Amino acid sequence: MSSPALTVPSYSSSMADKPLLGMTIGDKFDQIAAQYADNDALIVLHQQIHWNYRKLQEEVNRCARALLSIGVQRGDRVAIWAPNGSEWTLTQFATAKIGAILVNINPSYRTHELEYALNQSGARFLVTAHCFKSSDYSAMLYELAPELKNSTDGQLSSQKLPELECVINLSKEKLSGMWRWDDLMAQASKVSQTDVDDLQATLQFDDAINIQYTSGTTGFPKGATLSHHNILNNGFFVAESMGFTSADRLVIPVPLYHCFGMVMGNLGCMTHGATMIYPDEGFDPGKVLKAVHEQRATALYGVPTMFIAELDHPDFAATDLSSLRTGIMAGSICPAEIMKQVIEKMNMKGVQIAYGMTETSPVSAQTGANDSIEKRVSTVGRTQPHLENKIVDPGNGGILPRGEIGELCTRGYSVMLKYWNNDKATAETIDEAGWMHTGDLATMDEEGYIQIVGRIKDMVIRGGENVYPKEIEEFLYTHPAISDVQVTGVPDKKYGEELIAWVKLTSTADDVSGEELREYCKGKITHFKIPRYFKFVDEFPMTVTGKIQKFKMREISIQELGLGEESGLGEESGLDQEP
């Protein structure tokens, strides 16, 4: 009697041809600065900064001495609330050198969120921009801590922000109760470099070095606490996957406060002696194209919406992108059509997809340089070196056979230490065996390639059928008039949930109706996957990192459809529904 065929489980661990870096960020930085002293290190176009590694190291050490001089100690939390710029990078590397914990605060935060992040992390120090876009940071700080107006610099005592003692403002003008950045840097002369070096020598690579607040869809954000080991290695192996060397020049338009910028960007470059290039404070597609062109960039980062904006920009045709060879598209699921355009029109033949989350430093899966275009547009690649991934049944936690949809879990050096001061959330997310539960639905194929099909919370159950929005989005992208599309579920009395597609049309498209799009779907995808509702929009609700907020789309759609009311669909809703 023959034995039944064994099913291959959805588990993969990755071989690595290079060992993990067992060192702190500061030690690696000093090693690289000595090795590549004359290489371009940091180019900040909006600040007219062009530093080689020797100069960057001088400035980082000066910042580290300045922080020590104003009382920053090992383990202290130093928050930064600012868009991209040289001060951000100096603060990142200087805090790492002295063992302070950098707290990244989203530049789009307002008073309530800022108050929460500062108090939850127990930040003693805050580096803040004066203003950015519609945010007047200084005004918000004076609103939260009116005591600043009458306090001596560095001696704040605030009712609402009891832990915060010192605010450093990036404004050129002097503001009451706050240090100017230049004033801070001037303090460096009071501390010797030996003091920095001695402190740096005591640090361990497993020390917490960074707190990043995850943008939770419900409840308060949680502070993912990351070590030198977590983020130094992740930055290194992400750049390794792209074949980075000291000759590479990376344009970084993604926010530094996020792992994409500070880990995959800054640490990926630093560990290879490559060049970090910031085109502007925030994202501007024209300035990104200009930076690539003028700086002869070899690599470019972005989320799909950024690449879409660059491809659609009036200057695109006149921009020389011939120096580009690689880059990463991450942050949200990449539409296949966009990926193909990036490869063909932007010369990014080696562009890769990276997948992960803040809690995993961030990348746990990545496509490779030699992967086929088909794999690069349909999967997020295979397990990163030194890591493990598995796909489990969300109900019982058992590993599923290859090809079945379940929850993706990750284990290895990249998994965060904890959520800061939140043991309950940590225990709910990292299980006893050390697996990080991502909340993402995924499959793993025979070769170990992982496909993300949605969030557990995004999955739509229509009439008992599990529907994965990504599949429908990928199909709708094939319609020539559609530039971008997002699908989510809304409540329905008959089926439990129905589908709504938010559609962004191309700039050249004629008006298209929901009925025409439904006709386009018929016969090509299963009837229960055809959206009942279509909403035509110019933009989607999203986070500052470019992630689509589907929960907001759902809220808006429910409201506009009047699904919580007796009235039914209002005429002013802007929604096109199936008759």
Protein backbone atom coordinates (compact mmCIF):
# COMPACT_ATOMS: atom_id res chain seq x y z
CA MET A 1 0.00 0.00 0.00
CA SER A 2 1.51 3.31 -1.06
CA SER A 3 1.75 6.13 1.47
CA PRO A 4 -0.20 9.34 0.77
CA ALA A 5 1.79 12.18 -0.81
CA LEU A 6 3.14 14.59 1.76
CA THR A 7 1.96 18.16 1.42
CA VAL A 8 4.71 20.78 1.50
CA PRO A 9 4.10 23.22 4.37
CA SER A 10 4.03 27.02 3.87
CA TYR A 11 7.33 27.60 5.68
CA SER A 12 10.61 28.99 4.43
CA SER A 13 13.93 29.97 5.95
CA SER A 14 16.55 31.76 3.91
CA MET A 15 20.15 30.87 3.39
CA ALA A 16 22.57 33.75 3.66
CA ASP A 17 25.96 34.12 2.05
CA LYS A 18 26.95 36.86 4.51
CA PRO A 19 26.75 36.78 8.31
CA LEU A 20 24.72 39.17 10.44
CA LEU A 21 26.49 42.37 11.51
CA GLY A 22 27.18 41.95 15.21
CA MET A 23 27.87 45.59 15.98
CA THR A 24 26.21 48.86 16.87
CA ILE A 25 25.13 51.46 14.34
CA GLY A 26 27.78 53.89 15.61
CA ASP A 27 30.61 51.38 15.21
CA LYS A 28 29.52 50.44 11.69
CA PHE A 29 29.19 54.11 10.77
CA ASP A 30 32.74 54.87 11.97
CA GLN A 31 34.08 51.86 10.08
CA ILE A 32 32.42 53.00 6.84
CA ALA A 33 33.47 56.65 7.31
CA ALA A 34 37.10 55.53 7.61
CA GLN A 35 36.82 53.22 4.60
CA TYR A 36 34.96 55.61 2.26
CA ALA A 37 35.95 59.02 3.66
CA ASP A 38 35.89 60.79 0.27
CA ASN A 39 32.68 59.19 -1.02
CA ASP A 40 29.55 61.34 -1.29
CA ALA A 41 27.53 60.50 1.84
CA LEU A 42 24.64 62.95 2.17
CA ILE A 43 23.19 65.28 -0.46
CA VAL A 44 20.22 67.37 0.68
CA LEU A 45 19.12 69.41 -2.31
CA HIS A 46 16.67 71.75 -0.57
CA GLN A 47 19.35 72.65 2.01
CA GLN A 48 22.25 72.87 -0.48
CA ILE A 49 24.17 70.26 1.53
CA HIS A 50 26.75 68.03 -0.15
CA TRP A 51 28.84 66.08 2.40
CA ASN A 52 31.27 63.23 1.99
CA TYR A 53 31.58 60.56 4.68
CA ARG A 54 34.42 62.41 6.41
CA LYS A 55 32.29 65.56 6.72
CA LEU A 56 29.17 63.61 7.72
CA GLN A 57 31.12 61.88 10.47
CA GLU A 58 32.41 65.26 11.75
CA GLU A 59 28.85 66.60 11.90
CA VAL A 60 27.44 63.44 13.52
CA ASN A 61 30.14 63.51 16.20
CA ARG A 62 29.50 67.21 16.77
CA CYS A 63 25.78 66.49 17.20
CA ALA A 64 26.53 63.61 19.60
CA ARG A 65 28.75 65.89 21.74
CA ALA A 66 26.07 68.60 21.69
CA LEU A 67 23.39 66.17 22.87
CA LEU A 68 25.61 64.99 25.71
CA SER A 69 26.31 68.59 26.68
CA ILE A 70 22.59 69.36 27.19
CA GLY A 71 22.11 66.30 29.38
CA VAL A 72 21.05 63.48 27.03
CA GLN A 73 21.97 60.17 28.67
CA ARG A 74 22.08 56.57 27.50
CA GLY A 75 18.52 55.20 27.33
CA ASP A 76 16.90 58.67 27.21
CA ARG A 77 14.21 59.10 24.58
CA VAL A 78 14.94 61.83 22.03
CA ALA A 79 11.89 62.49 19.84
CA ILE A 80 12.07 64.00 16.37
CA TRP A 81 9.07 65.60 14.68
CA ALA A 82 10.21 66.93 11.35
CA PRO A 83 10.24 66.29 7.61
CA ASN A 84 13.32 65.08 5.71
CA GLY A 85 16.50 67.08 6.14
CA SER A 86 20.11 66.89 7.33
CA GLU A 87 19.15 67.48 10.97
CA TRP A 88 17.03 64.34 10.92
CA THR A 89 19.95 62.23 9.75
CA LEU A 90 22.41 63.81 12.17
CA THR A 91 20.01 63.14 15.04
CA GLN A 92 19.55 59.53 13.89
CA PHE A 93 23.26 58.70 13.87
CA ALA A 94 24.20 60.87 16.87
CA THR A 95 21.60 59.29 19.17
CA ALA A 96 22.79 55.83 18.04
CA LYS A 97 26.37 56.75 18.99
CA ILE A 98 25.45 57.77 22.55
CA GLY A 99 22.82 55.11 23.20
CA ALA A 100 19.82 57.41 23.32
CA ILE A 101 16.55 56.05 21.89
CA LEU A 102 15.28 57.96 18.86
CA VAL A 103 11.48 58.37 18.88
CA ASN A 104 10.15 58.91 15.35
CA ILE A 105 7.07 61.12 15.28
CA ASN A 106 4.97 61.28 12.15
CA PRO A 107 5.23 64.80 10.63
CA SER A 108 1.48 64.77 10.01
CA TYR A 109 0.63 64.32 13.70
CA ARG A 110 -1.44 67.00 15.39
CA THR A 111 -1.60 67.97 19.06
CA HIS A 112 -3.55 64.97 20.38
CA GLU A 113 -1.28 62.44 18.64
CA LEU A 114 1.88 64.34 19.56
CA GLU A 115 0.87 64.49 23.21
CA TYR A 116 0.24 60.74 23.20
CA ALA A 117 3.57 59.82 21.52
CA LEU A 118 5.70 62.09 23.73
CA ASN A 119 4.07 60.90 26.94
CA GLN A 120 3.83 57.24 26.00
CA SER A 121 7.54 57.14 25.10
CA GLY A 122 8.55 59.33 28.04
CA ALA A 123 10.58 61.59 25.75
CA ARG A 124 12.82 64.09 27.63
CA PHE A 125 14.00 65.82 24.46
CA LEU A 126 12.25 66.88 21.26
CA VAL A 127 13.77 68.03 17.97
CA THR A 128 11.02 69.76 15.99
CA ALA A 129 10.57 71.57 12.72
CA HIS A 130 9.08 75.07 12.96
CA CYS A 131 6.47 74.40 10.30
CA PHE A 132 5.88 72.11 7.32
CA LYS A 133 3.03 72.19 4.79
CA SER A 134 -0.16 72.86 6.78
CA SER A 135 1.46 72.02 10.13
CA ASP A 136 2.60 74.84 12.42
CA TYR A 137 4.62 72.70 14.82
CA SER A 138 5.72 75.57 17.07
CA ALA A 139 2.12 76.78 17.51
CA MET A 140 0.98 73.25 18.39
CA LEU A 141 3.76 72.94 20.97
CA TYR A 142 2.83 76.27 22.58
CA GLU A 143 -0.79 75.07 22.67
CA LEU A 144 0.19 71.79 24.38
CA ALA A 145 2.83 73.33 26.64
CA PRO A 146 2.04 77.05 27.18
CA GLU A 147 4.72 76.94 29.90
CA LEU A 148 7.32 77.05 27.09
CA LYS A 149 6.65 80.77 26.60
CA ASN A 150 8.12 81.57 30.01
CA SER A 151 10.60 78.73 30.48
CA THR A 152 14.38 78.79 30.28
CA ASP A 153 15.75 76.84 27.31
CA GLY A 154 15.99 73.16 28.24
CA GLN A 155 14.13 73.53 31.52
CA LEU A 156 10.52 72.99 30.55
CA SER A 157 8.10 71.91 33.25
CA SER A 158 4.77 71.20 31.55
CA GLN A 159 1.48 69.93 32.95
CA LYS A 160 0.42 68.09 29.80
CA LEU A 161 3.93 66.92 28.84
CA PRO A 162 5.43 66.10 32.24
CA GLU A 163 8.48 64.18 30.94
CA LEU A 164 9.52 66.71 28.29
CA GLU A 165 12.34 69.01 29.42
CA CYS A 166 13.97 70.34 26.30
CA VAL A 167 12.75 71.42 22.84
CA ILE A 168 15.15 72.05 19.94
CA ASN A 169 13.54 73.94 17.07
CA LEU A 170 14.89 73.85 13.52
CA SER A 171 13.73 77.44 12.96
CA LYS A 172 16.44 80.02 12.27
CA GLU A 173 14.64 82.50 14.53
CA LYS A 174 14.77 82.23 18.31
CA LEU A 175 11.51 80.99 19.85
CA SER A 176 10.70 81.31 23.56
CA GLY A 177 11.72 78.31 25.66
CA MET A 178 13.32 76.44 22.76
CA TRP A 179 16.90 75.95 21.63
CA ARG A 180 17.71 76.70 18.01
CA TRP A 181 19.51 73.87 16.21
CA ASP A 182 22.55 76.07 15.70
CA ASP A 183 22.58 76.91 19.42
CA LEU A 184 22.46 73.20 20.22
CA MET A 185 25.36 72.43 17.89
CA ALA A 186 27.37 75.25 19.45
CA GLN A 187 27.23 73.35 22.76
CA ALA A 188 29.40 70.60 21.30
CA SER A 189 32.58 72.39 22.34
CA LYS A 190 31.75 71.68 26.02
CA VAL A 191 32.19 67.91 25.56
CA SER A 192 35.22 66.03 24.25
CA GLN A 193 35.10 63.41 21.52
CA THR A 194 36.65 61.00 24.01
CA ASP A 195 33.44 61.21 26.07
CA VAL A 196 31.42 60.15 23.01
CA ASP A 197 33.84 57.35 22.10
CA ASP A 198 33.92 56.00 25.68
CA LEU A 199 30.13 55.92 25.89
CA GLN A 200 29.84 54.39 22.42
CA ALA A 201 32.21 51.58 23.46
CA THR A 202 29.82 50.51 26.26
CA LEU A 203 26.79 50.05 23.99
CA GLN A 204 25.47 46.62 23.01
CA PHE A 205 23.93 45.85 19.65
CA ASP A 206 20.79 44.42 21.31
CA ASP A 207 20.10 47.76 23.06
CA ALA A 208 16.86 49.53 22.11
CA ILE A 209 17.74 52.41 19.80
CA ASN A 210 14.52 53.42 18.08
CA ILE A 211 10.77 53.68 18.79
CA GLN A 212 8.45 53.94 15.80
CA TYR A 213 4.73 54.43 16.24
CA THR A 214 2.65 52.22 14.02
CA SER A 215 -0.35 53.82 12.43
CA GLY A 216 -3.00 51.62 13.92
CA THR A 217 -6.45 51.66 12.30
CA THR A 218 -8.03 51.32 15.70
CA GLY A 219 -6.97 52.53 19.10
CA PHE A 220 -3.80 54.38 19.90
CA PRO A 221 -0.59 53.82 17.94
CA LYS A 222 1.87 51.34 19.42
CA GLY A 223 5.59 52.08 19.76
CA ALA A 224 7.57 49.36 17.99
CA THR A 225 10.89 49.24 19.85
CA LEU A 226 13.86 48.37 17.61
CA SER A 227 17.51 47.59 18.40
CA HIS A 228 20.79 48.35 16.60
CA HIS A 229 20.77 44.68 15.55
CA ASN A 230 17.24 44.89 14.15
CA ILE A 231 17.62 47.87 11.89
CA LEU A 232 21.33 47.85 11.02
CA ASN A 233 21.06 44.34 9.62
CA ASN A 234 17.78 44.95 7.86
CA GLY A 235 19.13 48.04 6.11
CA PHE A 236 22.26 46.08 5.15
CA PHE A 237 20.45 43.06 3.68
CA VAL A 238 17.86 45.15 1.81
CA ALA A 239 20.71 46.98 0.07
CA GLU A 240 22.57 43.70 -0.47
CA SER A 241 19.56 42.34 -2.35
CA MET A 242 19.83 45.28 -4.75
CA GLY A 243 23.56 44.67 -5.22
CA PHE A 244 24.54 47.97 -3.58
CA THR A 245 28.17 49.11 -3.55
CA SER A 246 29.92 52.31 -2.58
CA ALA A 247 29.24 53.56 -6.13
CA ASP A 248 25.46 53.63 -5.67
CA ARG A 249 23.50 56.85 -5.32
CA LEU A 250 20.00 56.50 -3.86
CA VAL A 251 17.23 59.11 -4.12
CA ILE A 252 15.11 58.94 -0.95
CA PRO A 253 11.75 60.77 -1.32
CA VAL A 254 10.07 58.57 1.32
CA PRO A 255 9.79 59.95 4.87
CA LEU A 256 12.74 59.42 7.19
CA TYR A 257 10.47 59.00 10.19
CA HIS A 258 9.40 55.70 8.67
CA CYS A 259 11.51 52.53 8.33
CA PHE A 260 11.49 52.92 4.55
CA GLY A 261 13.50 56.14 4.85
CA MET A 262 15.69 55.73 7.92
CA VAL A 263 16.40 51.98 7.68
CA MET A 264 16.12 50.86 4.06
CA GLY A 265 17.32 54.27 2.88
CA ASN A 266 19.83 55.72 5.35
CA LEU A 267 21.16 52.50 6.90
CA GLY A 268 21.09 50.65 3.57
CA CYS A 269 23.34 53.36 2.08
CA MET A 270 25.54 53.82 5.13
CA THR A 271 26.41 50.11 5.46
CA HIS A 272 27.70 50.15 1.87
CA GLY A 273 29.37 53.57 1.72
CA ALA A 274 26.70 54.65 -0.79
CA THR A 275 25.12 58.11 -1.19
CA MET A 276 21.86 59.30 0.41
CA ILE A 277 20.04 61.94 -1.67
CA TYR A 278 17.00 63.87 -0.36
CA PRO A 279 15.19 65.78 -3.12
CA ASP A 280 13.00 67.85 -0.75
CA GLU A 281 11.39 68.02 2.71
CA GLY A 282 8.37 66.08 1.48
CA PHE A 283 7.42 64.28 -1.71
CA ASP A 284 7.40 66.33 -4.92
CA PRO A 285 7.47 64.21 -8.11
CA GLY A 286 9.13 66.97 -10.19
CA LYS A 287 11.94 67.36 -7.65
CA VAL A 288 12.43 63.58 -7.50
CA LEU A 289 12.87 63.43 -11.27
CA LYS A 290 15.24 66.43 -11.15
CA ALA A 291 17.32 64.78 -8.38
CA VAL A 292 17.69 61.53 -10.35
CA HIS A 293 18.66 63.47 -13.48
CA GLU A 294 21.14 65.93 -11.91
CA GLN A 295 22.71 63.58 -9.37
CA ARG A 296 23.00 60.63 -11.78
CA ALA A 297 21.20 58.45 -9.29
CA THR A 298 21.49 54.67 -9.63
CA ALA A 299 18.54 53.81 -7.39
CA LEU A 300 15.17 55.24 -6.38
CA TYR A 301 12.72 54.40 -3.60
CA GLY A 302 9.00 55.00 -3.45
CA VAL A 303 5.55 53.70 -2.72
CA PRO A 304 3.36 52.90 -5.75
CA THR A 305 1.51 56.25 -5.56
CA MET A 306 4.86 58.08 -5.81
CA PHE A 307 5.90 56.17 -8.92
CA ILE A 308 2.46 56.83 -10.45
CA ALA A 309 2.92 60.59 -9.82
CA GLU A 310 6.43 60.55 -11.35
CA LEU A 311 5.26 58.69 -14.46
CA ASP A 312 2.37 61.17 -14.89
CA HIS A 313 4.52 64.30 -14.33
CA PRO A 314 4.81 66.81 -17.24
CA ASP A 315 8.64 66.76 -16.93
CA PHE A 316 8.85 62.97 -17.17
CA ALA A 317 9.55 62.76 -20.91
CA ALA A 318 12.37 65.32 -20.70
CA THR A 319 14.11 63.68 -17.71
CA ASP A 320 17.24 61.58 -18.20
CA LEU A 321 16.75 58.45 -16.14
CA SER A 322 19.45 56.40 -17.88
CA SER A 323 21.63 56.25 -14.74
CA LEU A 324 18.94 54.32 -12.80
CA ARG A 325 19.31 50.55 -12.46
CA THR A 326 17.40 49.52 -9.35
CA GLY A 327 15.27 50.63 -6.42
CA ILE A 328 12.43 49.47 -4.27
CA MET A 329 8.70 49.83 -4.48
CA ALA A 330 7.13 49.10 -1.13
CA GLY A 331 4.72 50.40 1.48
CA SER A 332 1.62 49.00 -0.15
CA ILE A 333 0.72 46.37 -2.71
CA CYS A 334 2.16 47.26 -6.13
CA PRO A 335 -0.13 47.20 -9.17
CA ALA A 336 1.35 45.02 -11.92
CA GLU A 337 0.83 47.65 -14.63
CA ILE A 338 2.73 50.28 -12.64
CA MET A 339 5.64 47.91 -12.03
CA LYS A 340 5.93 47.20 -15.76
CA GLN A 341 5.99 50.93 -16.54
CA VAL A 342 8.69 51.57 -13.91
CA ILE A 343 10.86 48.86 -15.46
CA GLU A 344 10.29 49.95 -19.04
CA LYS A 345 10.01 53.74 -18.83
CA MET A 346 12.24 54.54 -15.83
CA ASN A 347 15.10 52.20 -16.73
CA MET A 348 14.78 50.46 -13.34
CA LYS A 349 15.44 46.98 -14.69
CA GLY A 350 16.43 45.73 -11.25
CA VAL A 351 13.55 47.29 -9.30
CA GLN A 352 12.44 45.12 -6.42
CA ILE A 353 9.42 44.70 -4.23
CA ALA A 354 10.02 44.61 -0.50
CA TYR A 355 7.48 43.59 2.07
CA GLY A 356 7.38 43.96 5.82
CA MET A 357 6.15 46.03 8.70
CA THR A 358 7.59 48.43 11.24
CA GLU A 359 7.63 45.63 13.82
CA THR A 360 9.99 43.60 11.59
CA SER A 361 12.53 46.42 10.99
CA PRO A 362 10.79 46.43 8.32
CA VAL A 363 11.60 43.95 5.52
CA SER A 364 10.93 40.22 5.87
CA ALA A 365 10.49 39.29 2.18
CA GLN A 366 11.96 40.76 -0.98
CA THR A 367 12.14 39.92 -4.68
CA GLY A 368 15.62 39.33 -6.10
CA ALA A 369 17.60 40.97 -8.89
CA ASN A 370 17.24 37.87 -11.07
CA ASP A 371 13.54 37.28 -10.46
CA SER A 372 11.26 37.34 -13.49
CA ILE A 373 9.03 40.33 -14.10
CA GLU A 374 6.08 38.05 -13.48
CA LYS A 375 7.37 37.20 -9.97
CA ARG A 376 8.13 40.87 -9.28
CA VAL A 377 4.62 41.97 -10.15
CA SER A 378 2.68 39.12 -8.61
CA THR A 379 4.60 38.41 -5.37
CA VAL A 380 6.62 40.16 -2.64
CA GLY A 381 9.50 37.76 -3.20
CA ARG A 382 11.03 35.21 -0.88
CA THR A 383 12.19 35.19 2.70
CA GLN A 384 15.00 37.61 3.52
CA PRO A 385 18.43 36.21 4.59
CA HIS A 386 18.61 34.97 8.21
CA LEU A 387 14.80 35.07 8.56
CA GLU A 388 11.89 32.60 8.61
CA ASN A 389 8.34 32.99 7.28
CA LYS A 390 5.31 30.74 7.61
CA ILE A 391 1.63 30.91 6.71
CA VAL A 392 -0.82 29.71 9.33
CA ASP A 393 -4.51 29.15 9.76
CA PRO A 394 -5.74 32.29 11.58
CA GLY A 395 -8.15 30.12 13.54
CA ASN A 396 -5.86 27.45 15.05
CA GLY A 397 -2.32 28.67 14.22
CA GLY A 398 -1.40 25.51 12.28
CA ILE A 399 0.96 25.80 9.28
CA LEU A 400 -1.02 25.55 6.04
CA PRO A 401 0.00 23.66 2.88
CA ARG A 402 1.63 25.67 0.08
CA GLY A 403 -0.90 27.62 -1.97
CA GLU A 404 -3.48 28.08 0.79
CA ILE A 405 -4.40 31.53 2.15
CA GLY A 406 -3.58 32.25 5.78
CA GLU A 407 -1.82 34.68 8.11
CA LEU A 408 1.85 35.46 7.41
CA CYS A 409 4.20 35.17 10.41
CA THR A 410 7.89 36.14 10.60
CA ARG A 411 10.70 35.12 12.96
CA GLY A 412 14.35 36.11 13.24
CA TYR A 413 16.76 38.98 13.93
CA SER A 414 14.34 41.57 12.49
CA VAL A 415 11.49 41.05 14.97
CA MET A 416 11.21 44.04 17.30
CA LEU A 417 12.14 43.83 20.96
CA LYS A 418 8.64 44.81 22.09
CA TYR A 419 5.96 47.48 21.99
CA TRP A 420 7.22 50.23 24.30
CA ASN A 421 5.49 50.04 27.68
CA ASN A 422 2.77 47.78 26.31
CA ASP A 423 3.26 44.19 27.42
CA LYS A 424 -0.30 43.20 26.52
CA ALA A 425 0.01 44.24 22.85
CA THR A 426 3.48 42.66 22.66
CA ALA A 427 2.15 39.32 23.90
CA GLU A 428 -0.77 39.48 21.44
CA THR A 429 1.60 40.05 18.50
CA ILE A 430 4.73 37.98 19.24
CA ASP A 431 3.91 34.43 20.32
CA GLU A 432 5.83 32.23 22.75
CA ALA A 433 7.94 30.76 19.95
CA GLY A 434 9.08 34.23 18.81
CA TRP A 435 6.83 34.51 15.73
CA MET A 436 5.58 37.94 14.78
CA HIS A 437 1.95 37.72 13.61
CA THR A 438 1.57 40.27 10.80
CA GLY A 439 -2.21 40.36 10.36
CA ASP A 440 -1.62 40.01 6.60
CA LEU A 441 -3.26 37.32 4.49
CA ALA A 442 -0.83 35.59 2.16
CA THR A 443 0.02 32.46 0.18
CA MET A 444 3.37 30.77 -0.44
CA ASP A 445 4.01 28.93 -3.71
CA GLU A 446 6.16 25.86 -4.41
CA GLU A 447 9.30 28.00 -4.88
CA GLY A 448 8.73 29.94 -1.65
CA TYR A 449 7.44 33.15 -3.25
CA ILE A 450 4.94 34.94 -1.03
CA GLN A 451 1.85 36.72 -2.33
CA ILE A 452 -0.01 39.16 -0.10
CA VAL A 453 -3.74 39.00 -0.73
CA GLY A 454 -4.91 41.53 1.86
CA ARG A 455 -5.27 42.22 5.56
CA ILE A 456 -7.23 39.82 7.71
CA LYS A 457 -9.39 42.84 8.49
CA ASP A 458 -9.67 43.82 4.77
CA MET A 459 -10.97 40.47 3.57
CA VAL A 460 -14.56 40.82 2.40
CA ILE A 461 -17.04 38.01 3.03
CA ARG A 462 -19.86 38.30 0.48
CA GLY A 463 -22.65 35.76 0.76
CA GLY A 464 -20.29 33.30 2.44
CA GLU A 465 -17.57 33.75 -0.21
CA ASN A 466 -14.15 35.06 0.86
CA VAL A 467 -13.21 37.89 -1.49
CA TYR A 468 -9.69 39.36 -1.58
CA PRO A 469 -9.69 42.98 -2.81
CA LYS A 470 -6.20 42.74 -4.35
CA GLU A 471 -7.39 40.22 -6.95
CA ILE A 472 -10.16 42.54 -8.12
CA GLU A 473 -7.85 45.57 -8.11
CA GLU A 474 -5.32 43.75 -10.31
CA PHE A 475 -8.06 42.90 -12.80
CA LEU A 476 -9.48 46.44 -12.91
CA TYR A 477 -5.99 47.84 -13.59
CA THR A 478 -6.21 46.18 -16.99
CA HIS A 479 -8.93 48.68 -18.02
CA PRO A 480 -7.21 51.39 -20.13
CA ALA A 481 -9.06 54.30 -18.46
CA ILE A 482 -8.07 53.33 -14.89
CA SER A 483 -4.95 54.89 -13.37
CA ASP A 484 -5.45 53.56 -9.83
CA VAL A 485 -8.14 51.60 -8.03
CA GLN A 486 -8.83 50.43 -4.48
CA VAL A 487 -11.52 47.94 -3.48
CA THR A 488 -13.07 47.46 -0.06
CA GLY A 489 -16.24 46.10 1.50
CA VAL A 490 -19.37 47.85 2.80
CA PRO A 491 -22.22 46.32 4.82
CA ASP A 492 -25.12 44.73 2.95
CA LYS A 493 -28.39 43.34 4.40
CA LYS A 494 -28.66 40.53 1.88
CA TYR A 495 -25.05 39.36 1.41
CA GLY A 496 -23.42 40.61 4.63
CA GLU A 497 -20.97 42.70 2.62
CA GLU A 498 -20.79 44.16 -0.88
CA LEU A 499 -17.83 45.50 -2.81
CA ILE A 500 -17.09 49.11 -3.63
CA ALA A 501 -14.30 50.20 -5.99
CA TRP A 502 -12.78 53.66 -5.67
CA VAL A 503 -11.48 54.53 -9.12
CA LYS A 504 -8.96 57.13 -10.23
CA LEU A 505 -9.10 57.66 -14.01
CA THR A 506 -6.08 58.48 -16.20
CA SER A 507 -5.63 62.13 -17.19
CA THR A 508 -6.49 61.30 -20.82
CA ALA A 509 -9.54 59.09 -20.15
CA ASP A 510 -13.05 59.99 -21.21
CA ASP A 511 -15.76 59.74 -18.59
CA VAL A 512 -16.47 56.15 -17.66
CA SER A 513 -19.51 54.97 -15.72
CA GLY A 514 -19.79 52.28 -13.10
CA GLU A 515 -22.12 50.38 -15.42
CA GLU A 516 -19.44 50.32 -18.15
CA LEU A 517 -16.90 48.97 -15.66
CA ARG A 518 -19.34 46.29 -14.48
CA GLU A 519 -19.87 45.24 -18.10
CA TYR A 520 -16.09 45.09 -18.51
CA CYS A 521 -15.92 42.66 -15.57
CA LYS A 522 -18.72 40.36 -16.70
CA GLY A 523 -17.51 37.03 -17.99
CA LYS A 524 -13.93 37.80 -16.94
CA ILE A 525 -14.20 37.53 -13.15
CA THR A 526 -16.69 35.64 -10.98
CA HIS A 527 -19.99 37.49 -10.53
CA PHE A 528 -19.62 37.86 -6.75
CA LYS A 529 -16.25 39.62 -7.27
CA ILE A 530 -17.76 42.36 -9.44
CA PRO A 531 -18.12 45.55 -7.35
CA ARG A 532 -21.69 46.66 -6.78
CA TYR A 533 -20.61 50.26 -6.25
CA PHE A 534 -18.10 52.48 -8.03
CA LYS A 535 -16.85 55.81 -6.70
CA PHE A 536 -14.76 58.05 -8.98
CA VAL A 537 -12.15 60.09 -7.10
CA ASP A 538 -9.06 62.25 -7.62
CA GLU A 539 -7.27 60.86 -4.55
CA PHE A 540 -7.51 58.21 -1.83
CA PRO A 541 -7.33 58.77 1.91
CA MET A 542 -3.80 57.81 2.90
CA THR A 543 -1.13 58.06 5.55
CA VAL A 544 1.90 60.31 5.15
CA THR A 545 3.90 57.25 4.02
CA GLY A 546 1.56 56.69 1.10
CA LYS A 547 -0.39 53.76 2.53
CA ILE A 548 -4.01 53.66 1.49
CA GLN A 549 -6.36 53.85 4.47
CA LYS A 550 -9.05 51.39 3.49
CA PHE A 551 -10.81 51.74 6.81
CA LYS A 552 -11.39 55.43 5.95
CA MET A 553 -12.61 54.52 2.47
CA ARG A 554 -15.05 52.14 4.10
CA GLU A 555 -16.24 54.79 6.60
CA ILE A 556 -16.75 57.40 3.86
CA SER A 557 -18.53 54.92 1.59
CA ILE A 558 -20.90 53.77 4.37
CA GLN A 559 -21.76 57.39 5.12
CA GLU A 560 -22.28 58.38 1.47
CA LEU A 561 -24.30 55.28 0.71
CA GLY A 562 -26.47 55.91 3.75
CA LEU A 563 -26.05 52.32 4.80
CA GLY A 564 -26.51 53.17 8.41
CA GLU A 565 -29.72 55.03 7.68
CA GLU A 566 -33.23 54.31 6.47
CA SER A 567 -32.85 56.70 3.55
CA GLY A 568 -30.75 54.43 1.36
CA LEU A 569 -28.44 55.90 -1.27
CA GLY A 570 -28.44 59.68 -1.50
CA GLU A 571 -28.37 61.40 -4.87
CA GLU A 572 -25.38 63.56 -3.90
CA SER A 573 -23.20 60.62 -2.95
CA GLY A 574 -21.05 60.58 -6.08
CA LEU A 575 -21.42 56.81 -6.10
CA ASP A 576 -22.40 54.73 -9.04
CA GLN A 577 -24.29 51.65 -7.92
CA GLU A 578 -25.66 48.63 -9.63
CA PRO A 579 -29.32 49.18 -10.44
